[in-house]
Amino acid sequence: TVDRTWGTTSVDSLKYCIFCVSFSDTIYLHATDGQDAILRCQSTSSSPVSYLSWETRAREKVFYSSKGVVYNSVQNAKFRGRVSLLSPSMTNGTGSLIIRNISLADAGLYRCVISAGENAVVMQNNVITFEEHSTAHSPPLDLLKAARS
């Protein structure tokens, strides 16, 4: 069952669904020019990821994989060569994404749709806000840590 008020669901309730969609809380990241950002996406299952899609609000494809095959041909040109998976094997239900060299053009909403295991689909929103600031090179921003602070 999905609690639409808070956008969360209990993992236990997913065990009894024929097909379930879980909506996670939105995670916000405040980025500066030139940083790398880690956008978090985690399935409710620790099974290998069977489907993973990252898109912007404008429906620009950031990353797409189905049944273990990565489809770079559908990726928007502005992300080519700048994105990679935090866990490239996708064997543990993780679809977190690294975007390198963030700029103002990268600000906005990113949506992850991930499926791993038995019929469970998770939708996770990440929002990158931007502050112009020049630094030589900063360490990657981790959305999970940013959300907790």
Protein backbone atom coordinates (compact mmCIF):
# COMPACT_ATOMS: atom_id res chain seq x y z
CA THR A 1 0.00 0.00 0.00
CA VAL A 2 1.10 3.53 -0.70
CA ASP A 3 0.53 6.40 1.71
CA ARG A 4 -0.10 9.19 -0.78
CA THR A 5 -0.07 11.84 1.95
CA TRP A 6 3.63 11.34 2.69
CA GLY A 7 4.68 9.57 -0.51
CA THR A 8 6.07 6.57 1.32
CA THR A 9 5.29 2.90 1.60
CA SER A 10 6.26 0.12 3.91
CA VAL A 11 8.57 -2.57 2.57
CA ASP A 12 6.44 -5.21 4.32
CA SER A 13 3.36 -4.16 2.36
CA LEU A 14 5.24 -4.64 -0.94
CA LYS A 15 5.56 -8.37 -0.23
CA TYR A 16 1.85 -8.83 -0.88
CA CYS A 17 1.43 -6.71 -4.02
CA ILE A 18 0.97 -8.11 -7.48
CA PHE A 19 2.36 -4.86 -8.89
CA CYS A 20 3.34 -1.98 -6.63
CA VAL A 21 4.68 1.50 -7.17
CA SER A 22 6.41 3.23 -4.30
CA PHE A 23 7.04 6.98 -4.21
CA SER A 24 9.94 8.16 -2.08
CA ASP A 25 10.40 11.60 -0.57
CA THR A 26 12.15 14.17 -2.75
CA ILE A 27 15.84 14.69 -1.98
CA TYR A 28 17.36 18.17 -2.44
CA LEU A 29 20.98 18.95 -3.29
CA HIS A 30 22.57 22.40 -3.31
CA ALA A 31 25.38 22.30 -5.89
CA THR A 32 28.05 24.68 -7.09
CA ASP A 33 29.76 25.04 -10.45
CA GLY A 34 32.15 22.22 -11.32
CA GLN A 35 31.16 19.77 -8.57
CA ASP A 36 30.13 16.17 -9.09
CA ALA A 37 26.72 15.17 -7.71
CA ILE A 38 25.48 11.77 -6.56
CA LEU A 39 21.74 11.38 -7.11
CA ARG A 40 20.31 8.57 -4.96
CA CYS A 41 17.94 5.86 -6.15
CA GLN A 42 17.32 2.60 -4.30
CA SER A 43 14.91 -0.23 -5.00
CA THR A 44 12.90 -1.83 -2.21
CA SER A 45 14.63 -5.09 -3.16
CA SER A 46 18.30 -6.04 -2.97
CA SER A 47 17.85 -8.08 -6.17
CA PRO A 48 19.66 -7.09 -9.38
CA VAL A 49 18.13 -4.08 -11.14
CA SER A 50 16.04 -5.10 -14.16
CA TYR A 51 15.00 -1.58 -15.22
CA LEU A 52 16.50 1.83 -14.49
CA SER A 53 15.60 5.16 -16.01
CA TRP A 54 16.79 8.64 -15.05
CA GLU A 55 15.08 11.66 -16.65
CA THR A 56 14.85 15.39 -16.11
CA ARG A 57 11.52 17.18 -15.65
CA ALA A 58 11.71 18.07 -19.37
CA ARG A 59 11.92 14.30 -20.06
CA GLU A 60 15.55 14.46 -21.18
CA LYS A 61 17.03 10.98 -20.79
CA VAL A 62 19.98 11.06 -18.41
CA PHE A 63 20.47 7.28 -18.16
CA TYR A 64 18.50 4.22 -19.30
CA SER A 65 19.06 0.50 -18.73
CA SER A 66 16.78 -2.49 -19.24
CA LYS A 67 17.59 -6.13 -18.47
CA GLY A 68 21.26 -5.33 -17.92
CA VAL A 69 21.74 -3.44 -21.21
CA VAL A 70 22.64 0.28 -21.05
CA TYR A 71 21.14 2.27 -23.94
CA ASN A 72 23.52 5.22 -24.47
CA SER A 73 21.87 6.05 -27.80
CA VAL A 74 18.78 7.47 -26.04
CA GLN A 75 20.81 9.64 -23.66
CA ASN A 76 20.49 13.41 -24.06
CA ALA A 77 23.68 14.88 -25.56
CA LYS A 78 24.33 17.24 -22.62
CA PHE A 79 24.82 14.23 -20.30
CA ARG A 80 27.04 12.11 -22.59
CA GLY A 81 30.38 11.38 -20.97
CA ARG A 82 29.28 13.04 -17.70
CA VAL A 83 27.18 10.36 -16.00
CA SER A 84 27.96 6.97 -14.53
CA LEU A 85 26.37 4.63 -12.02
CA LEU A 86 27.60 4.64 -8.43
CA SER A 87 27.30 0.82 -8.52
CA PRO A 88 27.84 -0.17 -12.19
CA SER A 89 26.92 -3.84 -11.64
CA MET A 90 23.41 -2.88 -10.41
CA THR A 91 23.32 -6.16 -8.45
CA ASN A 92 22.13 -4.76 -5.12
CA GLY A 93 19.01 -2.82 -6.09
CA THR A 94 20.92 0.45 -6.37
CA GLY A 95 20.53 2.83 -9.29
CA SER A 96 22.30 5.89 -7.86
CA LEU A 97 23.87 8.13 -10.49
CA ILE A 98 26.92 10.39 -10.57
CA ILE A 99 26.71 13.55 -12.70
CA ARG A 100 30.12 15.09 -13.22
CA ASN A 101 30.99 18.77 -13.58
CA ILE A 102 27.63 20.27 -12.55
CA SER A 103 26.65 23.60 -14.12
CA LEU A 104 23.64 25.91 -14.00
CA ALA A 105 22.13 23.98 -16.94
CA ASP A 106 21.92 20.90 -14.67
CA ALA A 107 19.69 22.54 -12.04
CA GLY A 108 16.22 21.06 -11.68
CA LEU A 109 14.23 17.90 -11.03
CA TYR A 110 15.59 14.43 -11.81
CA ARG A 111 13.37 11.36 -11.55
CA CYS A 112 14.61 7.82 -11.13
CA VAL A 113 12.35 4.86 -11.90
CA ILE A 114 13.87 1.57 -10.77
CA SER A 115 12.67 -2.02 -10.71
CA ALA A 116 14.41 -4.95 -9.05
CA GLY A 117 12.92 -8.18 -7.81
CA GLU A 118 9.28 -9.16 -7.94
CA ASN A 119 7.09 -6.50 -9.57
CA ALA A 120 8.11 -3.61 -7.30
CA VAL A 121 8.79 -0.24 -8.92
CA VAL A 122 10.19 2.75 -7.03
CA MET A 123 10.04 6.36 -8.20
CA GLN A 124 12.56 8.70 -6.56
CA ASN A 125 12.86 12.45 -7.16
CA ASN A 126 16.11 14.37 -6.72
CA VAL A 127 16.33 18.16 -7.12
CA ILE A 128 19.58 19.98 -7.85
CA THR A 129 19.59 23.66 -6.89
CA PHE A 130 22.51 25.73 -8.06
CA GLU A 131 24.76 28.44 -6.68
CA GLU A 132 27.39 30.00 -8.91
CA HIS A 133 30.71 29.55 -7.20
CA SER A 134 34.06 28.82 -8.75
CA THR A 135 36.29 26.29 -7.06
CA ALA A 136 39.16 24.29 -8.47
CA HIS A 137 37.39 20.98 -7.91
CA SER A 138 35.17 20.04 -5.04
CA PRO A 139 34.39 16.53 -3.82
CA PRO A 140 31.11 14.97 -5.02
CA LEU A 141 27.95 16.03 -3.27
CA ASP A 142 26.05 13.11 -1.88
CA LEU A 143 22.31 13.70 -1.87
CA LEU A 144 21.75 11.26 0.96
CA LYS A 145 24.06 13.23 3.25
CA ALA A 146 22.67 16.56 2.01
CA ALA A 147 19.11 15.45 2.78
CA ARG A 148 20.00 14.66 6.39
CA SER A 149 21.60 18.04 7.10
